PDB file of N, CA and C in Angstrom:
ATOM      1  N   MET A   1      61.706  82.570  88.888  1.00  0.00           N
ATOM      2  CA  MET A   1      59.969  83.565  89.252  1.00  0.00           C
ATOM      3  C   MET A   1      60.246  84.204  90.411  1.00  0.00           C
ATOM      4  N   LEU A   2      61.215  83.873  91.417  1.00  0.00           N
ATOM      5  CA  LEU A   2      61.143  85.003  92.738  1.00  0.00           C
ATOM      6  C   LEU A   2      61.833  86.436  92.042  1.00  0.00           C
ATOM      7  N   GLU A   3      62.725  86.079  91.583  1.00  0.00           N
ATOM      8  CA  GLU A   3      63.434  87.223  90.493  1.00  0.00           C
ATOM      9  C   GLU A   3      62.435  88.336  90.053  1.00  0.00           C
ATOM     10  N   ILE A   4      62.058  87.528  89.478  1.00  0.00           N
ATOM     11  CA  ILE A   4      60.492  88.131  88.358  1.00  0.00           C
ATOM     12  C   ILE A   4      59.785  88.979  89.381  1.00  0.00           C
ATOM     13  N   LEU A   5      59.394  88.270  90.522  1.00  0.00           N
ATOM     14  CA  LEU A   5      58.061  88.888  91.106  1.00  0.00           C
ATOM     15  C   LEU A   5      58.844  89.994  91.791  1.00  0.00           C
ATOM     16  N   SER A   6      60.354  90.118  92.611  1.00  0.00           N
ATOM     17  CA  SER A   6      60.505  90.841  93.239  1.00  0.00           C
ATOM     18  C   SER A   6      60.943  92.249  92.360  1.00  0.00           C
ATOM     19  N   SER A   7      61.895  91.942  91.185  1.00  0.00           N
ATOM     20  CA  SER A   7      61.859  92.859  90.059  1.00  0.00           C
ATOM     21  C   SER A   7      60.488  93.872  90.050  1.00  0.00           C
ATOM     22  N   THR A   8      59.190  93.142  89.667  1.00  0.00           N
ATOM     23  CA  THR A   8      58.068  93.582  89.278  1.00  0.00           C
ATOM     24  C   THR A   8      57.961  94.615  90.207  1.00  0.00           C
ATOM     25  N   LEU A   9      57.734  94.083  91.683  1.00  0.00           N
ATOM     26  CA  LEU A   9      57.346  94.751  92.916  1.00  0.00           C
ATOM     27  C   LEU A   9      58.198  96.193  93.097  1.00  0.00           C
ATOM     28  N   ASP A  10      59.498  95.580  93.172  1.00  0.00           N
ATOM     29  CA  ASP A  10      60.278  96.848  93.327  1.00  0.00           C
ATOM     30  C   ASP A  10      60.443  97.892  92.163  1.00  0.00           C
ATOM     31  N   GLU A  11      59.997  97.585  91.105  1.00  0.00           N
ATOM     32  CA  GLU A  11      60.005  98.549  89.715  1.00  0.00           C
ATOM     33  C   GLU A  11      58.871  99.761  90.279  1.00  0.00           C
ATOM     34  N   ALA A  12      57.700  98.938  90.686  1.00  0.00           N
ATOM     35  CA  ALA A  12      56.409  99.421  91.332  1.00  0.00           C
ATOM     36  C   ALA A  12      56.487 100.644  92.876  1.00  0.00           C
ATOM     37  N   GLY A  13      57.569 100.212  93.111  1.00  0.00           N
ATOM     38  CA  GLY A  13      57.729 101.422  94.402  1.00  0.00           C
ATOM     39  C   GLY A  13      57.917 100.271  95.401  1.00  0.00           C
ATOM     40  N   HIS A  14      57.651  99.184  95.279  1.00  0.00           N
ATOM     41  CA  HIS A  14      57.317  98.267  96.911  1.00  0.00           C
ATOM     42  C   HIS A  14      58.916  97.537  97.442  1.00  0.00           C
ATOM     43  N   SER A  15      58.696  97.777  98.504  1.00  0.00           N
ATOM     44  CA  SER A  15      59.751  96.988  99.249  1.00  0.00           C
ATOM     45  C   SER A  15      59.617  95.469  99.359  1.00  0.00           C
ATOM     46  N   VAL A  16      60.465  94.462  99.092  1.00  0.00           N
ATOM     47  CA  VAL A  16      60.666  93.307  99.077  1.00  0.00           C
ATOM     48  C   VAL A  16      61.150  92.492  99.911  1.00  0.00           C
ATOM     49  N   VAL A  17      60.946  91.371 101.074  1.00  0.00           N
ATOM     50  CA  VAL A  17      61.511  90.393 101.487  1.00  0.00           C
ATOM     51  C   VAL A  17      61.524  89.333 100.476  1.00  0.00           C
ATOM     52  N   GLN A  18      62.514  88.591 100.556  1.00  0.00           N
ATOM     53  CA  GLN A  18      62.729  87.232  99.745  1.00  0.00           C
ATOM     54  C   GLN A  18      62.885  86.279 100.736  1.00  0.00           C
ATOM     55  N   ALA A  19      62.469  85.004 100.202  1.00  0.00           N
ATOM     56  CA  ALA A  19      62.689  84.024 101.000  1.00  0.00           C
ATOM     57  C   ALA A  19      62.415  82.553  99.823  1.00  0.00           C
ATOM     58  N   GLY A  20      63.491  81.465  99.896  1.00  0.00           N
ATOM     59  CA  GLY A  20      63.702  80.504  99.338  1.00  0.00           C
ATOM     60  C   GLY A  20      62.331  79.329  99.559  1.00  0.00           C
ATOM     61  N   ASN A  21      62.420  79.332 100.828  1.00  0.00           N
ATOM     62  CA  ASN A  21      61.217  78.383 100.929  1.00  0.00           C
ATOM     63  C   ASN A  21      60.123  78.681 102.471  1.00  0.00           C
ATOM     64  N   GLY A  22      58.886  78.402 102.590  1.00  0.00           N
ATOM     65  CA  GLY A  22      58.232  78.896 103.831  1.00  0.00           C
ATOM     66  C   GLY A  22      58.952  78.446 105.095  1.00  0.00           C
ATOM     67  N   ALA A  23      60.097  77.821 105.296  1.00  0.00           N
ATOM     68  CA  ALA A  23      60.678  77.586 106.469  1.00  0.00           C
ATOM     69  C   ALA A  23      61.249  79.225 106.651  1.00  0.00           C
ATOM     70  N   GLU A  24      62.036  79.430 105.714  1.00  0.00           N
ATOM     71  CA  GLU A  24      62.989  80.659 105.585  1.00  0.00           C
ATOM     72  C   GLU A  24      61.877  82.367 105.553  1.00  0.00           C
ATOM     73  N   ALA A  25      60.616  81.902 105.290  1.00  0.00           N
ATOM     74  CA  ALA A  25      59.892  83.284 105.113  1.00  0.00           C
ATOM     75  C   ALA A  25      59.201  83.162 106.242  1.00  0.00           C
ATOM     76  N   MET A  26      59.137  82.149 107.281  1.00  0.00           N
ATOM     77  CA  MET A  26      58.764  82.700 108.665  1.00  0.00           C
ATOM     78  C   MET A  26      59.849  83.109 109.063  1.00  0.00           C
ATOM     79  N   LYS A  27      61.191  82.759 109.142  1.00  0.00           N
ATOM     80  CA  LYS A  27      62.209  83.688 110.172  1.00  0.00           C
ATOM     81  C   LYS A  27      62.388  85.157 109.251  1.00  0.00           C
ATOM     82  N   ASN A  28      61.885  85.353 107.937  1.00  0.00           N
ATOM     83  CA  ASN A  28      61.979  86.783 107.196  1.00  0.00           C
ATOM     84  C   ASN A  28      60.880  87.830 107.828  1.00  0.00           C
ATOM     85  N   LEU A  29      59.815  87.234 108.204  1.00  0.00           N
ATOM     86  CA  LEU A  29      58.907  88.013 108.660  1.00  0.00           C
ATOM     87  C   LEU A  29      59.135  89.027 109.680  1.00  0.00           C
ATOM     88  N   THR A  30      58.616  90.605 109.354  1.00  0.00           N
ATOM     89  CA  THR A  30      59.060  91.583 110.344  1.00  0.00           C
ATOM     90  C   THR A  30      57.829  92.195 110.448  1.00  0.00           C
ATOM     91  N   ASP A  31      57.783  93.218 111.482  1.00  0.00           N
ATOM     92  CA  ASP A  31      56.399  93.736 111.684  1.00  0.00           C
ATOM     93  C   ASP A  31      55.868  94.753 110.407  1.00  0.00           C
ATOM     94  N   ASP A  32      57.130  95.199 109.774  1.00  0.00           N
ATOM     95  CA  ASP A  32      56.738  95.957 108.839  1.00  0.00           C
ATOM     96  C   ASP A  32      56.256  95.481 107.484  1.00  0.00           C
ATOM     97  N   VAL A  33      56.112  94.073 107.195  1.00  0.00           N
ATOM     98  CA  VAL A  33      55.708  93.681 106.399  1.00  0.00           C
ATOM     99  C   VAL A  33      53.876  93.774 106.504  1.00  0.00           C
ATOM    100  N   ASP A  34      53.448  94.419 104.884  1.00  0.00           N
ATOM    101  CA  ASP A  34      52.135  94.498 104.757  1.00  0.00           C
ATOM    102  C   ASP A  34      51.324  93.531 103.896  1.00  0.00           C
ATOM    103  N   LEU A  35      52.109  92.826 103.182  1.00  0.00           N
ATOM    104  CA  LEU A  35      51.668  91.941 102.555  1.00  0.00           C
ATOM    105  C   LEU A  35      52.550  90.235 102.294  1.00  0.00           C
ATOM    106  N   ILE A  36      51.912  89.430 102.093  1.00  0.00           N
ATOM    107  CA  ILE A  36      52.548  87.967 101.916  1.00  0.00           C
ATOM    108  C   ILE A  36      52.068  87.617 100.779  1.00  0.00           C
ATOM    109  N   ILE A  37      53.384  86.990  99.707  1.00  0.00           N
ATOM    110  CA  ILE A  37      52.775  86.671  98.571  1.00  0.00           C
ATOM    111  C   ILE A  37      53.740  85.113  98.428  1.00  0.00           C
ATOM    112  N   SER A  38      52.674  84.394  98.334  1.00  0.00           N
ATOM    113  CA  SER A  38      53.812  82.918  98.648  1.00  0.00           C
ATOM    114  C   SER A  38      52.942  81.966  97.177  1.00  0.00           C
ATOM    115  N   ASP A  39      54.471  80.762  97.153  1.00  0.00           N
ATOM    116  CA  ASP A  39      54.381  79.654  96.366  1.00  0.00           C
ATOM    117  C   ASP A  39      53.383  78.732  96.832  1.00  0.00           C
ATOM    118  N   LEU A  40      52.617  77.851  96.133  1.00  0.00           N
ATOM    119  CA  LEU A  40      51.674  76.653  97.154  1.00  0.00           C
ATOM    120  C   LEU A  40      52.925  75.591  97.246  1.00  0.00           C
ATOM    121  N   ASN A  41      53.650  75.378  96.500  1.00  0.00           N
ATOM    122  CA  ASN A  41      54.752  74.409  95.928  1.00  0.00           C
ATOM    123  C   ASN A  41      56.110  74.962  96.642  1.00  0.00           C
ATOM    124  N   MET A  42      56.422  74.406  97.766  1.00  0.00           N
ATOM    125  CA  MET A  42      57.661  74.899  98.229  1.00  0.00           C
ATOM    126  C   MET A  42      58.209  73.645  98.989  1.00  0.00           C
ATOM    127  N   VAL A  43      59.548  73.752  98.981  1.00  0.00           N
ATOM    128  CA  VAL A  43      60.418  72.735  99.597  1.00  0.00           C
ATOM    129  C   VAL A  43      60.375  73.180 101.244  1.00  0.00           C
ATOM    130  N   VAL A  44      60.105  72.284 101.995  1.00  0.00           N
ATOM    131  CA  VAL A  44      60.745  72.533 103.630  1.00  0.00           C
ATOM    132  C   VAL A  44      59.403  72.406 104.374  1.00  0.00           C
ATOM    133  N   VAL A  45      58.782  73.769 103.854  1.00  0.00           N
ATOM    134  CA  VAL A  45      57.253  73.760 104.853  1.00  0.00           C
ATOM    135  C   VAL A  45      56.689  74.242 102.911  1.00  0.00           C
ATOM    136  N   SER A  46      55.463  73.191 103.372  1.00  0.00           N
ATOM    137  CA  SER A  46      54.687  73.861 101.700  1.00  0.00           C
ATOM    138  C   SER A  46      53.681  75.150 102.434  1.00  0.00           C
ATOM    139  N   GLY A  47      53.285  75.329 100.688  1.00  0.00           N
ATOM    140  CA  GLY A  47      52.831  77.027 100.899  1.00  0.00           C
ATOM    141  C   GLY A  47      51.566  77.100 101.859  1.00  0.00           C
ATOM    142  N   LEU A  48      50.709  75.835 101.986  1.00  0.00           N
ATOM    143  CA  LEU A  48      49.531  75.694 103.097  1.00  0.00           C
ATOM    144  C   LEU A  48      50.203  75.832 104.451  1.00  0.00           C
ATOM    145  N   GLN A  49      50.908  75.050 104.878  1.00  0.00           N
ATOM    146  CA  GLN A  49      51.510  74.840 106.150  1.00  0.00           C
ATOM    147  C   GLN A  49      52.313  76.789 106.422  1.00  0.00           C
ATOM    148  N   PHE A  50      52.854  77.500 105.445  1.00  0.00           N
ATOM    149  CA  PHE A  50      53.443  78.169 105.692  1.00  0.00           C
ATOM    150  C   PHE A  50      52.262  79.113 106.103  1.00  0.00           C
ATOM    151  N   LEU A  51      50.734  79.309 105.112  1.00  0.00           N
ATOM    152  CA  LEU A  51      49.937  80.255 105.767  1.00  0.00           C
ATOM    153  C   LEU A  51      49.230  79.544 106.973  1.00  0.00           C
ATOM    154  N   HIS A  52      48.912  78.602 107.372  1.00  0.00           N
ATOM    155  CA  HIS A  52      48.987  78.371 108.609  1.00  0.00           C
ATOM    156  C   HIS A  52      49.709  78.737 109.614  1.00  0.00           C
ATOM    157  N   ASN A  53      50.901  78.786 109.614  1.00  0.00           N
ATOM    158  CA  ASN A  53      51.710  78.952 110.248  1.00  0.00           C
ATOM    159  C   ASN A  53      51.820  80.691 110.708  1.00  0.00           C
ATOM    160  N   VAL A  54      51.579  81.484 109.505  1.00  0.00           N
ATOM    161  CA  VAL A  54      51.126  82.840 109.323  1.00  0.00           C
ATOM    162  C   VAL A  54      49.592  82.949 110.360  1.00  0.00           C
ATOM    163  N   ARG A  55      48.611  82.198 109.975  1.00  0.00           N
ATOM    164  CA  ARG A  55      47.350  82.757 110.232  1.00  0.00           C
ATOM    165  C   ARG A  55      47.298  82.126 111.840  1.00  0.00           C
ATOM    166  N   THR A  56      47.893  81.677 111.990  1.00  0.00           N
ATOM    167  CA  THR A  56      48.230  81.308 113.784  1.00  0.00           C
ATOM    168  C   THR A  56      49.174  82.371 114.687  1.00  0.00           C
ATOM    169  N   SER A  57      50.031  83.052 113.904  1.00  0.00           N
ATOM    170  CA  SER A  57      50.969  84.044 114.477  1.00  0.00           C
ATOM    171  C   SER A  57      50.447  85.302 114.958  1.00  0.00           C
ATOM    172  N   ARG A  58      50.265  85.593 116.083  1.00  0.00           N
ATOM    173  CA  ARG A  58      49.278  86.776 116.405  1.00  0.00           C
ATOM    174  C   ARG A  58      49.856  88.081 115.514  1.00  0.00           C
ATOM    175  N   GLU A  59      51.208  88.099 115.512  1.00  0.00           N
ATOM    176  CA  GLU A  59      51.977  89.531 114.357  1.00  0.00           C
ATOM    177  C   GLU A  59      51.523  89.410 113.230  1.00  0.00           C
ATOM    178  N   TYR A  60      50.923  88.242 112.557  1.00  0.00           N
ATOM    179  CA  TYR A  60      50.657  88.162 111.147  1.00  0.00           C
ATOM    180  C   TYR A  60      49.438  87.507 110.387  1.00  0.00           C
ATOM    181  N   MET A  61      48.704  87.079 111.636  1.00  0.00           N
ATOM    182  CA  MET A  61      47.146  86.847 111.242  1.00  0.00           C
ATOM    183  C   MET A  61      46.488  87.607 110.271  1.00  0.00           C
ATOM    184  N   ALA A  62      46.624  88.852 110.411  1.00  0.00           N
ATOM    185  CA  ALA A  62      45.641  89.658 109.610  1.00  0.00           C
ATOM    186  C   ALA A  62      46.614  90.175 108.354  1.00  0.00           C
ATOM    187  N   LYS A  63      47.458  89.755 108.415  1.00  0.00           N
ATOM    188  CA  LYS A  63      48.218  90.378 107.296  1.00  0.00           C
ATOM    189  C   LYS A  63      47.796  89.766 105.457  1.00  0.00           C
ATOM    190  N   PRO A  64      47.625  90.286 104.907  1.00  0.00           N
ATOM    191  CA  PRO A  64      47.169  89.603 103.453  1.00  0.00           C
ATOM    192  C   PRO A  64      47.818  88.884 102.653  1.00  0.00           C
ATOM    193  N   PHE A  65      47.230  87.693 102.518  1.00  0.00           N
ATOM    194  CA  PHE A  65      48.247  86.761 101.815  1.00  0.00           C
ATOM    195  C   PHE A  65      47.873  86.027 100.739  1.00  0.00           C
ATOM    196  N   VAL A  66      48.747  86.284  99.533  1.00  0.00           N
ATOM    197  CA  VAL A  66      48.615  85.664  98.314  1.00  0.00           C
ATOM    198  C   VAL A  66      49.212  84.222  98.068  1.00  0.00           C
ATOM    199  N   PHE A  67      48.523  83.598  97.230  1.00  0.00           N
ATOM    200  CA  PHE A  67      48.930  82.420  96.630  1.00  0.00           C
ATOM    201  C   PHE A  67      49.654  82.958  95.189  1.00  0.00           C
ATOM    202  N   LEU A  68      50.696  82.740  94.457  1.00  0.00           N
ATOM    203  CA  LEU A  68      51.205  83.087  93.113  1.00  0.00           C
ATOM    204  C   LEU A  68      51.687  81.369  92.636  1.00  0.00           C
ATOM    205  N   THR A  69      50.899  80.679  92.108  1.00  0.00           N
ATOM    206  CA  THR A  69      50.987  79.639  91.589  1.00  0.00           C
ATOM    207  C   THR A  69      50.838  79.060  90.407  1.00  0.00           C
ATOM    208  N   THR A  70      51.006  77.629  90.189  1.00  0.00           N
ATOM    209  CA  THR A  70      50.597  77.241  88.742  1.00  0.00           C
ATOM    210  C   THR A  70      49.733  76.246  88.929  1.00  0.00           C
ATOM    211  N   GLU A  71      49.254  75.996  90.090  1.00  0.00           N
ATOM    212  CA  GLU A  71      47.888  74.975  90.578  1.00  0.00           C
ATOM    213  C   GLU A  71      46.663  75.889  90.498  1.00  0.00           C
ATOM    214  N   SER A  72      46.034  75.241  89.874  1.00  0.00           N
ATOM    215  CA  SER A  72      44.880  75.642  89.176  1.00  0.00           C
ATOM    216  C   SER A  72      43.518  74.672  90.092  1.00  0.00           C
ATOM    217  N   ASP A  73      43.763  73.761  91.010  1.00  0.00           N
ATOM    218  CA  ASP A  73      42.644  73.029  90.991  1.00  0.00           C
ATOM    219  C   ASP A  73      41.633  73.288  92.375  1.00  0.00           C
ATOM    220  N   GLU A  74      40.599  73.302  91.988  1.00  0.00           N
ATOM    221  CA  GLU A  74      39.207  74.154  92.814  1.00  0.00           C
ATOM    222  C   GLU A  74      39.338  73.707  94.442  1.00  0.00           C
ATOM    223  N   GLU A  75      39.630  71.929  94.346  1.00  0.00           N
ATOM    224  CA  GLU A  75      40.200  72.043  95.781  1.00  0.00           C
ATOM    225  C   GLU A  75      41.066  72.047  96.689  1.00  0.00           C
ATOM    226  N   LEU A  76      42.261  72.835  96.049  1.00  0.00           N
ATOM    227  CA  LEU A  76      43.484  73.429  96.880  1.00  0.00           C
ATOM    228  C   LEU A  76      42.963  75.099  97.009  1.00  0.00           C
ATOM    229  N   LYS A  77      42.465  75.545  96.104  1.00  0.00           N
ATOM    230  CA  LYS A  77      42.133  77.143  96.078  1.00  0.00           C
ATOM    231  C   LYS A  77      40.998  76.942  97.061  1.00  0.00           C
ATOM    232  N   ARG A  78      40.134  75.930  97.631  1.00  0.00           N
ATOM    233  CA  ARG A  78      38.844  76.010  98.518  1.00  0.00           C
ATOM    234  C   ARG A  78      39.893  75.686 100.226  1.00  0.00           C
ATOM    235  N   ALA A  79      40.556  74.867  99.751  1.00  0.00           N
ATOM    236  CA  ALA A  79      41.805  74.844 101.281  1.00  0.00           C
ATOM    237  C   ALA A  79      42.388  75.709 101.515  1.00  0.00           C
ATOM    238  N   ALA A  80      42.627  76.909 100.576  1.00  0.00           N
ATOM    239  CA  ALA A  80      43.440  77.628 100.755  1.00  0.00           C
ATOM    240  C   ALA A  80      42.788  78.811 101.678  1.00  0.00           C
ATOM    241  N   ARG A  81      41.521  79.055 100.629  1.00  0.00           N
ATOM    242  CA  ARG A  81      40.140  80.156 101.424  1.00  0.00           C
ATOM    243  C   ARG A  81      40.080  79.571 102.645  1.00  0.00           C
ATOM    244  N   GLU A  82      40.035  78.388 102.993  1.00  0.00           N
ATOM    245  CA  GLU A  82      39.255  78.137 104.688  1.00  0.00           C
ATOM    246  C   GLU A  82      40.683  78.503 105.380  1.00  0.00           C
ATOM    247  N   ALA A  83      42.014  78.184 104.810  1.00  0.00           N
ATOM    248  CA  ALA A  83      42.859  78.174 105.697  1.00  0.00           C
ATOM    249  C   ALA A  83      43.729  80.164 106.045  1.00  0.00           C
ATOM    250  N   GLY A  84      42.332  80.807 104.952  1.00  0.00           N
ATOM    251  CA  GLY A  84      42.509  82.465 105.201  1.00  0.00           C
ATOM    252  C   GLY A  84      43.506  82.500 104.123  1.00  0.00           C
ATOM    253  N   ALA A  85      43.478  82.469 103.311  1.00  0.00           N
ATOM    254  CA  ALA A  85      44.256  83.037 101.969  1.00  0.00           C
ATOM    255  C   ALA A  85      43.551  84.046 101.170  1.00  0.00           C
ATOM    256  N   THR A  86      44.239  85.317 101.230  1.00  0.00           N
ATOM    257  CA  THR A  86      43.479  86.353 100.614  1.00  0.00           C
ATOM    258  C   THR A  86      42.819  86.600  99.156  1.00  0.00           C
ATOM    259  N   ALA A  87      44.055  85.913  98.440  1.00  0.00           N
ATOM    260  CA  ALA A  87      43.768  86.003  96.840  1.00  0.00           C
ATOM    261  C   ALA A  87      44.755  84.454  96.497  1.00  0.00           C
ATOM    262  N   TRP A  88      44.353  84.472  95.144  1.00  0.00           N
ATOM    263  CA  TRP A  88      44.932  83.509  94.482  1.00  0.00           C
ATOM    264  C   TRP A  88      45.474  84.068  92.816  1.00  0.00           C
ATOM    265  N   ILE A  89      46.566  83.856  92.727  1.00  0.00           N
ATOM    266  CA  ILE A  89      46.801  84.197  91.280  1.00  0.00           C
ATOM    267  C   ILE A  89      47.568  83.389  90.904  1.00  0.00           C
ATOM    268  N   LEU A  90      47.448  82.844  89.368  1.00  0.00           N
ATOM    269  CA  LEU A  90      48.102  81.823  88.419  1.00  0.00           C
ATOM    270  C   LEU A  90      49.295  82.236  87.457  1.00  0.00           C
ATOM    271  N   LYS A  91      50.383  81.484  87.849  1.00  0.00           N
ATOM    272  CA  LYS A  91      51.345  81.659  87.041  1.00  0.00           C
ATOM    273  C   LYS A  91      50.980  81.024  85.467  1.00  0.00           C
ATOM    274  N   PRO A  92      51.849  82.050  84.612  1.00  0.00           N
ATOM    275  CA  PRO A  92      52.508  83.026  84.853  1.00  0.00           C
ATOM    276  C   PRO A  92      51.250  84.162  84.946  1.00  0.00           C
ATOM    277  N   PHE A  93      52.029  85.110  85.517  1.00  0.00           N
ATOM    278  CA  PHE A  93      51.414  86.643  86.243  1.00  0.00           C
ATOM    279  C   PHE A  93      51.707  87.564  85.212  1.00  0.00           C
ATOM    280  N   GLU A  94      50.539  88.492  85.142  1.00  0.00           N
ATOM    281  CA  GLU A  94      50.530  89.667  84.611  1.00  0.00           C
ATOM    282  C   GLU A  94      50.964  90.865  85.288  1.00  0.00           C
ATOM    283  N   PRO A  95      52.006  91.608  85.042  1.00  0.00           N
ATOM    284  CA  PRO A  95      52.574  92.327  86.004  1.00  0.00           C
ATOM    285  C   PRO A  95      51.381  93.355  86.420  1.00  0.00           C
ATOM    286  N   ARG A  96      50.972  94.020  85.549  1.00  0.00           N
ATOM    287  CA  ARG A  96      50.065  95.184  86.265  1.00  0.00           C
ATOM    288  C   ARG A  96      48.582  94.553  87.083  1.00  0.00           C
ATOM    289  N   ALA A  97      48.346  93.564  86.560  1.00  0.00           N
ATOM    290  CA  ALA A  97      47.413  92.865  87.238  1.00  0.00           C
ATOM    291  C   ALA A  97      47.837  92.671  88.725  1.00  0.00           C
ATOM    292  N   LEU A  98      48.822  92.301  88.990  1.00  0.00           N
ATOM    293  CA  LEU A  98      49.912  91.660  90.540  1.00  0.00           C
ATOM    294  C   LEU A  98      49.923  93.340  91.179  1.00  0.00           C
ATOM    295  N   ILE A  99      50.256  94.223  90.141  1.00  0.00           N
ATOM    296  CA  ILE A  99      50.717  95.556  91.253  1.00  0.00           C
ATOM    297  C   ILE A  99      49.371  95.958  91.918  1.00  0.00           C
ATOM    298  N   LYS A 100      48.625  96.242  90.712  1.00  0.00           N
ATOM    299  CA  LYS A 100      47.077  96.685  91.371  1.00  0.00           C
ATOM    300  C   LYS A 100      46.404  95.464  92.292  1.00  0.00           C
ATOM    301  N   LEU A 101      46.547  94.298  92.655  1.00  0.00           N
ATOM    302  CA  LEU A 101      45.969  93.993  93.809  1.00  0.00           C
ATOM    303  C   LEU A 101      46.893  94.239  94.636  1.00  0.00           C
ATOM    304  N   VAL A 102      48.377  94.400  94.640  1.00  0.00           N
ATOM    305  CA  VAL A 102      48.975  94.536  95.774  1.00  0.00           C
ATOM    306  C   VAL A 102      48.700  95.708  96.171  1.00  0.00           C
ATOM    307  N   GLU A 103      48.415  96.745  95.562  1.00  0.00           N
ATOM    308  CA  GLU A 103      48.113  98.128  96.102  1.00  0.00           C
ATOM    309  C   GLU A 103      46.680  98.239  96.538  1.00  0.00           C
ATOM    310  N   HIS A 104      46.026  97.149  95.691  1.00  0.00           N
ATOM    311  CA  HIS A 104      44.601  97.000  97.007  1.00  0.00           C
ATOM    312  C   HIS A 104      44.738  96.415  98.081  1.00  0.00           C
ATOM    313  N   LEU A 105      45.492  95.602  98.421  1.00  0.00           N
ATOM    314  CA  LEU A 105      45.354  94.732  99.491  1.00  0.00           C
ATOM    315  C   LEU A 105      46.064  95.485 100.975  1.00  0.00           C
ATOM    316  N   ALA A 106      47.518  96.163  99.912  1.00  0.00           N
ATOM    317  CA  ALA A 106      48.327  97.129 101.448  1.00  0.00           C
ATOM    318  C   ALA A 106      48.401  98.235 100.350  1.00  0.00           C
ATOM    319  N   PRO A 107      47.497  98.929 100.802  1.00  0.00           N
ATOM    320  CA  PRO A 107      48.020 100.636  99.831  1.00  0.00           C
ATOM    321  C   PRO A 107      48.711 101.241 101.005  1.00  0.00           C
TER     322      PRO A 107
END
């Protein structure tokens, strides 16, 4: 899924920084990251914990944060919104819709 997401965004002209889990993602964040896309279910650090880490980091607290996940539970969506998630997309995703959202959130 990571490769599909990455190639979709690359083909649309966006630079992508990949990470295999939430801990790695925190290490890979740089100042020029305009938007964060994360799964909810990850090893080492969950998506919600990663979101919490991002939102408590001065450098990234205002960056748009999108969950791309198979989870559709309303309670999880509510928890993500309360934690500061910007958007929620269900897998499998429609590439054009994802690109449109990315370009809206990080022009």
